[in-house]
Amino acid sequence: MLAWTLEKNGYFTLQADYQRNITDSVFVSTRVTRNGKKYEVVEYAGGGPLELWVIRRAIEGVSSTVEWSKTETLPECPRWSKSQVPAPK
């Protein structure tokens, strides 16, 4: 169902970056791998379309049903060579 939601809401045709002219907000990065190809959509201050909001809520819904054995904090994600999220200044 999650893969269907991504396709139905056009995740793979979304822009790579959405921003609003607001300061003091957060970046949200949504990353997906399909057929070995990596996709990332970055949103700042809620600037993305409704479809991105729907996709993120679907992912959050699935992730809440997963039982995590433990969490680990890493300085950077080892699965992604380069993120579109700007580095902190």
PDB file of N, CA and C in Angstrom:
ATOM      1  N   MET A   1       0.812  -1.202   0.000  1.00  0.00           N
ATOM      2  CA  MET A   1       0.000   0.000   0.000  1.00  0.00           C
ATOM      3  C   MET A   1       0.858   1.270   0.000  1.00  0.00           C
ATOM      4  N   LEU A   2       1.992   1.208   0.697  1.00  0.00           N
ATOM      5  CA  LEU A   2       2.854   2.387   0.743  1.00  0.00           C
ATOM      6  C   LEU A   2       3.422   2.694  -0.650  1.00  0.00           C
ATOM      7  N   ALA A   3       3.869   1.673  -1.364  1.00  0.00           N
ATOM      8  CA  ALA A   3       4.388   1.875  -2.722  1.00  0.00           C
ATOM      9  C   ALA A   3       3.301   2.443  -3.625  1.00  0.00           C
ATOM     10  N   TRP A   4       2.081   1.960  -3.486  1.00  0.00           N
ATOM     11  CA  TRP A   4       0.948   2.464  -4.275  1.00  0.00           C
ATOM     12  C   TRP A   4       0.713   3.940  -3.954  1.00  0.00           C
ATOM     13  N   THR A   5       0.779   4.303  -2.667  1.00  0.00           N
ATOM     14  CA  THR A   5       0.573   5.692  -2.251  1.00  0.00           C
ATOM     15  C   THR A   5       1.632   6.604  -2.860  1.00  0.00           C
ATOM     16  N   LEU A   6       2.888   6.140  -2.874  1.00  0.00           N
ATOM     17  CA  LEU A   6       3.953   6.935  -3.483  1.00  0.00           C
ATOM     18  C   LEU A   6       3.679   7.179  -4.965  1.00  0.00           C
ATOM     19  N   GLU A   7       3.316   6.121  -5.674  1.00  0.00           N
ATOM     20  CA  GLU A   7       3.025   6.231  -7.112  1.00  0.00           C
ATOM     21  C   GLU A   7       1.798   7.103  -7.364  1.00  0.00           C
ATOM     22  N   LYS A   8       0.727   6.840  -6.641  1.00  0.00           N
ATOM     23  CA  LYS A   8      -0.552   7.543  -6.839  1.00  0.00           C
ATOM     24  C   LYS A   8      -0.416   9.043  -6.606  1.00  0.00           C
ATOM     25  N   ASN A   9       0.425   9.427  -5.646  1.00  0.00           N
ATOM     26  CA  ASN A   9       0.595  10.839  -5.319  1.00  0.00           C
ATOM     27  C   ASN A   9       1.779  11.483  -6.028  1.00  0.00           C
ATOM     28  N   GLY A  10       2.400  10.764  -6.957  1.00  0.00           N
ATOM     29  CA  GLY A  10       3.433  11.338  -7.823  1.00  0.00           C
ATOM     30  C   GLY A  10       4.744  11.676  -7.148  1.00  0.00           C
ATOM     31  N   TYR A  11       5.124  10.892  -6.142  1.00  0.00           N
ATOM     32  CA  TYR A  11       6.372  11.183  -5.439  1.00  0.00           C
ATOM     33  C   TYR A  11       7.564  11.293  -6.390  1.00  0.00           C
ATOM     34  N   PHE A  12       7.647  10.409  -7.356  1.00  0.00           N
ATOM     35  CA  PHE A  12       8.823  10.354  -8.230  1.00  0.00           C
ATOM     36  C   PHE A  12       8.847  11.461  -9.280  1.00  0.00           C
ATOM     37  N   THR A  13       7.801  12.278  -9.340  1.00  0.00           N
ATOM     38  CA  THR A  13       7.774  13.422 -10.254  1.00  0.00           C
ATOM     39  C   THR A  13       7.800  14.750  -9.502  1.00  0.00           C
ATOM     40  N   LEU A  14       7.899  14.702  -8.173  1.00  0.00           N
ATOM     41  CA  LEU A  14       7.964  15.931  -7.388  1.00  0.00           C
ATOM     42  C   LEU A  14       9.302  16.620  -7.593  1.00  0.00           C
ATOM     43  N   GLN A  15       9.334  17.924  -7.356  1.00  0.00           N
ATOM     44  CA  GLN A  15      10.587  18.668  -7.386  1.00  0.00           C
ATOM     45  C   GLN A  15      11.491  18.150  -6.281  1.00  0.00           C
ATOM     46  N   ALA A  16      12.765  18.353  -6.406  1.00  0.00           N
ATOM     47  CA  ALA A  16      13.713  17.908  -5.381  1.00  0.00           C
ATOM     48  C   ALA A  16      13.715  18.827  -4.169  1.00  0.00           C
ATOM     49  N   ASP A  17      13.235  20.067  -4.326  1.00  0.00           N
ATOM     50  CA  ASP A  17      13.332  21.038  -3.245  1.00  0.00           C
ATOM     51  C   ASP A  17      12.110  21.954  -3.244  1.00  0.00           C
ATOM     52  N   TYR A  18      11.518  22.147  -2.051  1.00  0.00           N
ATOM     53  CA  TYR A  18      10.408  23.079  -1.863  1.00  0.00           C
ATOM     54  C   TYR A  18      10.745  23.968  -0.682  1.00  0.00           C
ATOM     55  N   GLN A  19      10.601  25.282  -0.864  1.00  0.00           N
ATOM     56  CA  GLN A  19      10.903  26.214   0.217  1.00  0.00           C
ATOM     57  C   GLN A  19       9.884  27.337   0.247  1.00  0.00           C
ATOM     58  N   ARG A  20       9.783  27.956   1.414  1.00  0.00           N
ATOM     59  CA  ARG A  20       8.974  29.160   1.591  1.00  0.00           C
ATOM     60  C   ARG A  20       9.901  30.238   2.116  1.00  0.00           C
ATOM     61  N   ASN A  21       9.553  31.470   1.883  1.00  0.00           N
ATOM     62  CA  ASN A  21      10.377  32.594   2.313  1.00  0.00           C
ATOM     63  C   ASN A  21      10.101  32.896   3.789  1.00  0.00           C
ATOM     64  N   ILE A  22      10.505  31.956   4.636  1.00  0.00           N
ATOM     65  CA  ILE A  22      10.314  32.068   6.079  1.00  0.00           C
ATOM     66  C   ILE A  22      11.640  31.698   6.735  1.00  0.00           C
ATOM     67  N   THR A  23      11.950  32.376   7.815  1.00  0.00           N
ATOM     68  CA  THR A  23      13.144  32.007   8.574  1.00  0.00           C
ATOM     69  C   THR A  23      12.731  31.269   9.830  1.00  0.00           C
ATOM     70  N   ASP A  24      13.657  30.592  10.436  1.00  0.00           N
ATOM     71  CA  ASP A  24      13.440  29.883  11.695  1.00  0.00           C
ATOM     72  C   ASP A  24      12.405  28.771  11.553  1.00  0.00           C
ATOM     73  N   SER A  25      12.631  27.875  10.624  1.00  0.00           N
ATOM     74  CA  SER A  25      11.775  26.712  10.445  1.00  0.00           C
ATOM     75  C   SER A  25      12.673  25.481  10.328  1.00  0.00           C
ATOM     76  N   VAL A  26      12.113  24.380   9.874  1.00  0.00           N
ATOM     77  CA  VAL A  26      12.889  23.142   9.787  1.00  0.00           C
ATOM     78  C   VAL A  26      12.853  22.579   8.365  1.00  0.00           C
ATOM     79  N   PHE A  27      13.917  21.828   8.045  1.00  0.00           N
ATOM     80  CA  PHE A  27      13.968  21.074   6.798  1.00  0.00           C
ATOM     81  C   PHE A  27      13.443  19.678   7.074  1.00  0.00           C
ATOM     82  N   VAL A  28      12.658  19.140   6.150  1.00  0.00           N
ATOM     83  CA  VAL A  28      12.197  17.758   6.236  1.00  0.00           C
ATOM     84  C   VAL A  28      12.620  17.074   4.950  1.00  0.00           C
ATOM     85  N   SER A  29      13.369  15.995   5.075  1.00  0.00           N
ATOM     86  CA  SER A  29      13.852  15.258   3.924  1.00  0.00           C
ATOM     87  C   SER A  29      13.129  13.918   3.860  1.00  0.00           C
ATOM     88  N   THR A  30      12.522  13.618   2.720  1.00  0.00           N
ATOM     89  CA  THR A  30      11.849  12.343   2.509  1.00  0.00           C
ATOM     90  C   THR A  30      12.638  11.590   1.450  1.00  0.00           C
ATOM     91  N   ARG A  31      13.187  10.439   1.836  1.00  0.00           N
ATOM     92  CA  ARG A  31      14.049   9.664   0.944  1.00  0.00           C
ATOM     93  C   ARG A  31      13.427   8.311   0.645  1.00  0.00           C
ATOM     94  N   VAL A  32      13.514   7.917  -0.618  1.00  0.00           N
ATOM     95  CA  VAL A  32      12.945   6.648  -1.075  1.00  0.00           C
ATOM     96  C   VAL A  32      13.913   6.031  -2.082  1.00  0.00           C
ATOM     97  N   THR A  33      14.040   4.714  -2.062  1.00  0.00           N
ATOM     98  CA  THR A  33      14.805   4.000  -3.080  1.00  0.00           C
ATOM     99  C   THR A  33      13.838   3.153  -3.893  1.00  0.00           C
ATOM    100  N   ARG A  34      13.897   3.297  -5.210  1.00  0.00           N
ATOM    101  CA  ARG A  34      13.063   2.500  -6.115  1.00  0.00           C
ATOM    102  C   ARG A  34      13.940   1.956  -7.224  1.00  0.00           C
ATOM    103  N   ASN A  35      13.914   0.636  -7.379  1.00  0.00           N
ATOM    104  CA  ASN A  35      14.722  -0.030  -8.410  1.00  0.00           C
ATOM    105  C   ASN A  35      16.193   0.358  -8.318  1.00  0.00           C
ATOM    106  N   GLY A  36      16.701   0.484  -7.101  1.00  0.00           N
ATOM    107  CA  GLY A  36      18.099   0.813  -6.888  1.00  0.00           C
ATOM    108  C   GLY A  36      18.451   2.278  -7.059  1.00  0.00           C
ATOM    109  N   LYS A  37      17.495   3.125  -7.461  1.00  0.00           N
ATOM    110  CA  LYS A  37      17.748   4.550  -7.643  1.00  0.00           C
ATOM    111  C   LYS A  37      17.233   5.307  -6.423  1.00  0.00           C
ATOM    112  N   LYS A  38      18.038   6.267  -5.944  1.00  0.00           N
ATOM    113  CA  LYS A  38      17.691   7.033  -4.758  1.00  0.00           C
ATOM    114  C   LYS A  38      16.957   8.315  -5.136  1.00  0.00           C
ATOM    115  N   TYR A  39      15.902   8.616  -4.407  1.00  0.00           N
ATOM    116  CA  TYR A  39      15.119   9.835  -4.601  1.00  0.00           C
ATOM    117  C   TYR A  39      15.038  10.561  -3.267  1.00  0.00           C
ATOM    118  N   GLU A  40      15.112  11.885  -3.304  1.00  0.00           N
ATOM    119  CA  GLU A  40      14.980  12.681  -2.095  1.00  0.00           C
ATOM    120  C   GLU A  40      14.207  13.951  -2.423  1.00  0.00           C
ATOM    121  N   VAL A  41      13.248  14.272  -1.571  1.00  0.00           N
ATOM    122  CA  VAL A  41      12.512  15.524  -1.680  1.00  0.00           C
ATOM    123  C   VAL A  41      12.710  16.261  -0.364  1.00  0.00           C
ATOM    124  N   VAL A  42      13.201  17.491  -0.450  1.00  0.00           N
ATOM    125  CA  VAL A  42      13.462  18.310   0.725  1.00  0.00           C
ATOM    126  C   VAL A  42      12.419  19.422   0.772  1.00  0.00           C
ATOM    127  N   GLU A  43      11.856  19.594   1.956  1.00  0.00           N
ATOM    128  CA  GLU A  43      10.837  20.621   2.148  1.00  0.00           C
ATOM    129  C   GLU A  43      11.263  21.518   3.308  1.00  0.00           C
ATOM    130  N   TYR A  44      11.090  22.819   3.126  1.00  0.00           N
ATOM    131  CA  TYR A  44      11.399  23.770   4.189  1.00  0.00           C
ATOM    132  C   TYR A  44      10.142  24.569   4.507  1.00  0.00           C
ATOM    133  N   ALA A  45       9.816  24.644   5.765  1.00  0.00           N
ATOM    134  CA  ALA A  45       8.702  25.468   6.259  1.00  0.00           C
ATOM    135  C   ALA A  45       7.361  25.092   5.628  1.00  0.00           C
ATOM    136  N   GLY A  46       7.159  23.822   5.358  1.00  0.00           N
ATOM    137  CA  GLY A  46       5.869  23.379   4.814  1.00  0.00           C
ATOM    138  C   GLY A  46       5.591  23.876   3.411  1.00  0.00           C
ATOM    139  N   GLY A  47       6.633  24.110   2.627  1.00  0.00           N
ATOM    140  CA  GLY A  47       6.470  24.679   1.293  1.00  0.00           C
ATOM    141  C   GLY A  47       6.083  23.689   0.210  1.00  0.00           C
ATOM    142  N   GLY A  48       5.990  22.413   0.534  1.00  0.00           N
ATOM    143  CA  GLY A  48       5.687  21.397  -0.470  1.00  0.00           C
ATOM    144  C   GLY A  48       4.199  21.279  -0.769  1.00  0.00           C
ATOM    145  N   PRO A  49       3.870  20.523  -1.802  1.00  0.00           N
ATOM    146  CA  PRO A  49       2.470  20.339  -2.191  1.00  0.00           C
ATOM    147  C   PRO A  49       1.747  19.354  -1.261  1.00  0.00           C
ATOM    148  N   LEU A  50       0.438  19.324  -1.364  1.00  0.00           N
ATOM    149  CA  LEU A  50      -0.396  18.435  -0.556  1.00  0.00           C
ATOM    150  C   LEU A  50       0.006  16.974  -0.752  1.00  0.00           C
ATOM    151  N   GLU A  51       0.384  16.593  -1.957  1.00  0.00           N
ATOM    152  CA  GLU A  51       0.781  15.215  -2.224  1.00  0.00           C
ATOM    153  C   GLU A  51       1.969  14.786  -1.365  1.00  0.00           C
ATOM    154  N   LEU A  52       2.915  15.681  -1.159  1.00  0.00           N
ATOM    155  CA  LEU A  52       4.062  15.365  -0.311  1.00  0.00           C
ATOM    156  C   LEU A  52       3.618  15.175   1.132  1.00  0.00           C
ATOM    157  N   TRP A  53       2.703  15.980   1.590  1.00  0.00           N
ATOM    158  CA  TRP A  53       2.160  15.844   2.950  1.00  0.00           C
ATOM    159  C   TRP A  53       1.489  14.479   3.107  1.00  0.00           C
ATOM    160  N   VAL A  54       0.690  14.077   2.113  1.00  0.00           N
ATOM    161  CA  VAL A  54       0.004  12.774   2.148  1.00  0.00           C
ATOM    162  C   VAL A  54       1.030  11.641   2.213  1.00  0.00           C
ATOM    163  N   ILE A  55       2.063  11.724   1.396  1.00  0.00           N
ATOM    164  CA  ILE A  55       3.105  10.694   1.354  1.00  0.00           C
ATOM    165  C   ILE A  55       3.819  10.603   2.699  1.00  0.00           C
ATOM    166  N   ARG A  56       4.174  11.738   3.265  1.00  0.00           N
ATOM    167  CA  ARG A  56       4.872  11.710   4.557  1.00  0.00           C
ATOM    168  C   ARG A  56       3.998  11.125   5.655  1.00  0.00           C
ATOM    169  N   ARG A  57       2.717  11.437   5.648  1.00  0.00           N
ATOM    170  CA  ARG A  57       1.802  10.875   6.659  1.00  0.00           C
ATOM    171  C   ARG A  57       1.660   9.362   6.472  1.00  0.00           C
ATOM    172  N   ALA A  58       1.653   8.888   5.244  1.00  0.00           N
ATOM    173  CA  ALA A  58       1.575   7.441   4.995  1.00  0.00           C
ATOM    174  C   ALA A  58       2.830   6.745   5.513  1.00  0.00           C
ATOM    175  N   ILE A  59       4.000   7.336   5.256  1.00  0.00           N
ATOM    176  CA  ILE A  59       5.248   6.756   5.755  1.00  0.00           C
ATOM    177  C   ILE A  59       5.258   6.745   7.273  1.00  0.00           C
ATOM    178  N   GLU A  60       4.830   7.835   7.896  1.00  0.00           N
ATOM    179  CA  GLU A  60       4.769   7.897   9.360  1.00  0.00           C
ATOM    180  C   GLU A  60       3.811   6.845   9.920  1.00  0.00           C
ATOM    181  N   GLY A  61       2.704   6.610   9.226  1.00  0.00           N
ATOM    182  CA  GLY A  61       1.747   5.601   9.665  1.00  0.00           C
ATOM    183  C   GLY A  61       2.343   4.207   9.648  1.00  0.00           C
ATOM    184  N   VAL A  62       3.090   3.893   8.611  1.00  0.00           N
ATOM    185  CA  VAL A  62       3.742   2.585   8.521  1.00  0.00           C
ATOM    186  C   VAL A  62       4.838   2.462   9.562  1.00  0.00           C
ATOM    187  N   SER A  63       5.626   3.516   9.730  1.00  0.00           N
ATOM    188  CA  SER A  63       6.743   3.443  10.677  1.00  0.00           C
ATOM    189  C   SER A  63       6.271   3.295  12.115  1.00  0.00           C
ATOM    190  N   SER A  64       5.079   3.771  12.416  1.00  0.00           N
ATOM    191  CA  SER A  64       4.584   3.643  13.791  1.00  0.00           C
ATOM    192  C   SER A  64       4.188   2.203  14.125  1.00  0.00           C
ATOM    193  N   THR A  65       4.028   1.358  13.122  1.00  0.00           N
ATOM    194  CA  THR A  65       3.659  -0.040  13.370  1.00  0.00           C
ATOM    195  C   THR A  65       4.864  -0.959  13.451  1.00  0.00           C
ATOM    196  N   VAL A  66       6.055  -0.431  13.166  1.00  0.00           N
ATOM    197  CA  VAL A  66       7.282  -1.220  13.196  1.00  0.00           C
ATOM    198  C   VAL A  66       7.823  -1.248  14.623  1.00  0.00           C
ATOM    199  N   GLU A  67       8.248  -2.413  15.062  1.00  0.00           N
ATOM    200  CA  GLU A  67       8.866  -2.512  16.376  1.00  0.00           C
ATOM    201  C   GLU A  67      10.380  -2.376  16.204  1.00  0.00           C
ATOM    202  N   TRP A  68      10.932  -1.350  16.811  1.00  0.00           N
ATOM    203  CA  TRP A  68      12.358  -1.079  16.712  1.00  0.00           C
ATOM    204  C   TRP A  68      13.051  -1.709  17.912  1.00  0.00           C
ATOM    205  N   SER A  69      14.124  -2.451  17.659  1.00  0.00           N
ATOM    206  CA  SER A  69      14.852  -3.085  18.752  1.00  0.00           C
ATOM    207  C   SER A  69      15.743  -2.082  19.484  1.00  0.00           C
ATOM    208  N   LYS A  70      16.343  -1.168  18.760  1.00  0.00           N
ATOM    209  CA  LYS A  70      17.146  -0.112  19.371  1.00  0.00           C
ATOM    210  C   LYS A  70      17.367   0.977  18.338  1.00  0.00           C
ATOM    211  N   THR A  71      17.757   2.134  18.795  1.00  0.00           N
ATOM    212  CA  THR A  71      18.070   3.228  17.891  1.00  0.00           C
ATOM    213  C   THR A  71      19.538   3.557  18.006  1.00  0.00           C
ATOM    214  N   GLU A  72      20.054   4.177  16.964  1.00  0.00           N
ATOM    215  CA  GLU A  72      21.469   4.540  16.928  1.00  0.00           C
ATOM    216  C   GLU A  72      21.585   5.883  16.220  1.00  0.00           C
ATOM    217  N   THR A  73      22.396   6.758  16.747  1.00  0.00           N
ATOM    218  CA  THR A  73      22.613   8.068  16.144  1.00  0.00           C
ATOM    219  C   THR A  73      23.946   8.055  15.404  1.00  0.00           C
ATOM    220  N   LEU A  74      23.906   8.455  14.139  1.00  0.00           N
ATOM    221  CA  LEU A  74      25.103   8.512  13.302  1.00  0.00           C
ATOM    222  C   LEU A  74      25.314   9.953  12.856  1.00  0.00           C
ATOM    223  N   PRO A  75      26.553  10.359  12.625  1.00  0.00           N
ATOM    224  CA  PRO A  75      26.799  11.725  12.165  1.00  0.00           C
ATOM    225  C   PRO A  75      26.233  11.991  10.768  1.00  0.00           C
ATOM    226  N   GLU A  76      26.133  10.953   9.947  1.00  0.00           N
ATOM    227  CA  GLU A  76      25.531  11.097   8.619  1.00  0.00           C
ATOM    228  C   GLU A  76      24.991   9.744   8.182  1.00  0.00           C
ATOM    229  N   CYS A  77      24.032   9.770   7.295  1.00  0.00           N
ATOM    230  CA  CYS A  77      23.408   8.535   6.829  1.00  0.00           C
ATOM    231  C   CYS A  77      24.365   7.807   5.885  1.00  0.00           C
ATOM    232  N   PRO A  78      24.740   6.563   6.200  1.00  0.00           N
ATOM    233  CA  PRO A  78      25.690   5.845   5.349  1.00  0.00           C
ATOM    234  C   PRO A  78      25.093   5.399   4.017  1.00  0.00           C
ATOM    235  N   ARG A  79      23.791   5.428   3.876  1.00  0.00           N
ATOM    236  CA  ARG A  79      23.148   4.963   2.641  1.00  0.00           C
ATOM    237  C   ARG A  79      23.041   6.041   1.578  1.00  0.00           C
ATOM    238  N   TRP A  80      23.264   7.273   1.943  1.00  0.00           N
ATOM    239  CA  TRP A  80      23.095   8.371   0.997  1.00  0.00           C
ATOM    240  C   TRP A  80      24.410   9.114   0.867  1.00  0.00           C
ATOM    241  N   SER A  81      24.913   9.169  -0.353  1.00  0.00           N
ATOM    242  CA  SER A  81      26.210   9.792  -0.560  1.00  0.00           C
ATOM    243  C   SER A  81      26.141  11.312  -0.459  1.00  0.00           C
ATOM    244  N   LYS A  82      25.051  11.907  -0.930  1.00  0.00           N
ATOM    245  CA  LYS A  82      24.941  13.368  -0.881  1.00  0.00           C
ATOM    246  C   LYS A  82      23.480  13.750  -0.701  1.00  0.00           C
ATOM    247  N   SER A  83      23.194  14.488   0.342  1.00  0.00           N
ATOM    248  CA  SER A  83      21.847  14.951   0.627  1.00  0.00           C
ATOM    249  C   SER A  83      21.663  16.350   0.069  1.00  0.00           C
ATOM    250  N   GLN A  84      20.427  16.709  -0.201  1.00  0.00           N
ATOM    251  CA  GLN A  84      20.136  18.057  -0.656  1.00  0.00           C
ATOM    252  C   GLN A  84      19.891  18.994   0.516  1.00  0.00           C
ATOM    253  N   VAL A  85      19.837  18.456   1.713  1.00  0.00           N
ATOM    254  CA  VAL A  85      19.630  19.300   2.887  1.00  0.00           C
ATOM    255  C   VAL A  85      20.910  20.095   3.126  1.00  0.00           C
ATOM    256  N   PRO A  86      20.802  21.423   3.228  1.00  0.00           N
ATOM    257  CA  PRO A  86      22.014  22.221   3.432  1.00  0.00           C
ATOM    258  C   PRO A  86      22.690  21.881   4.750  1.00  0.00           C
ATOM    259  N   ALA A  87      24.009  21.949   4.753  1.00  0.00           N
ATOM    260  CA  ALA A  87      24.782  21.687   5.964  1.00  0.00           C
ATOM    261  C   ALA A  87      24.585  22.848   6.934  1.00  0.00           C
ATOM    262  N   PRO A  88      24.588  22.566   8.245  1.00  0.00           N
ATOM    263  CA  PRO A  88      24.456  23.649   9.220  1.00  0.00           C
ATOM    264  C   PRO A  88      25.618  24.621   9.111  1.00  0.00           C
ATOM    265  N   LYS A  89      25.322  25.881   9.369  1.00  0.00           N
ATOM    266  CA  LYS A  89      26.356  26.919   9.268  1.00  0.00           C
ATOM    267  C   LYS A  89      26.907  27.233  10.635  1.00  0.00           C
TER     268      LYS A  89
END
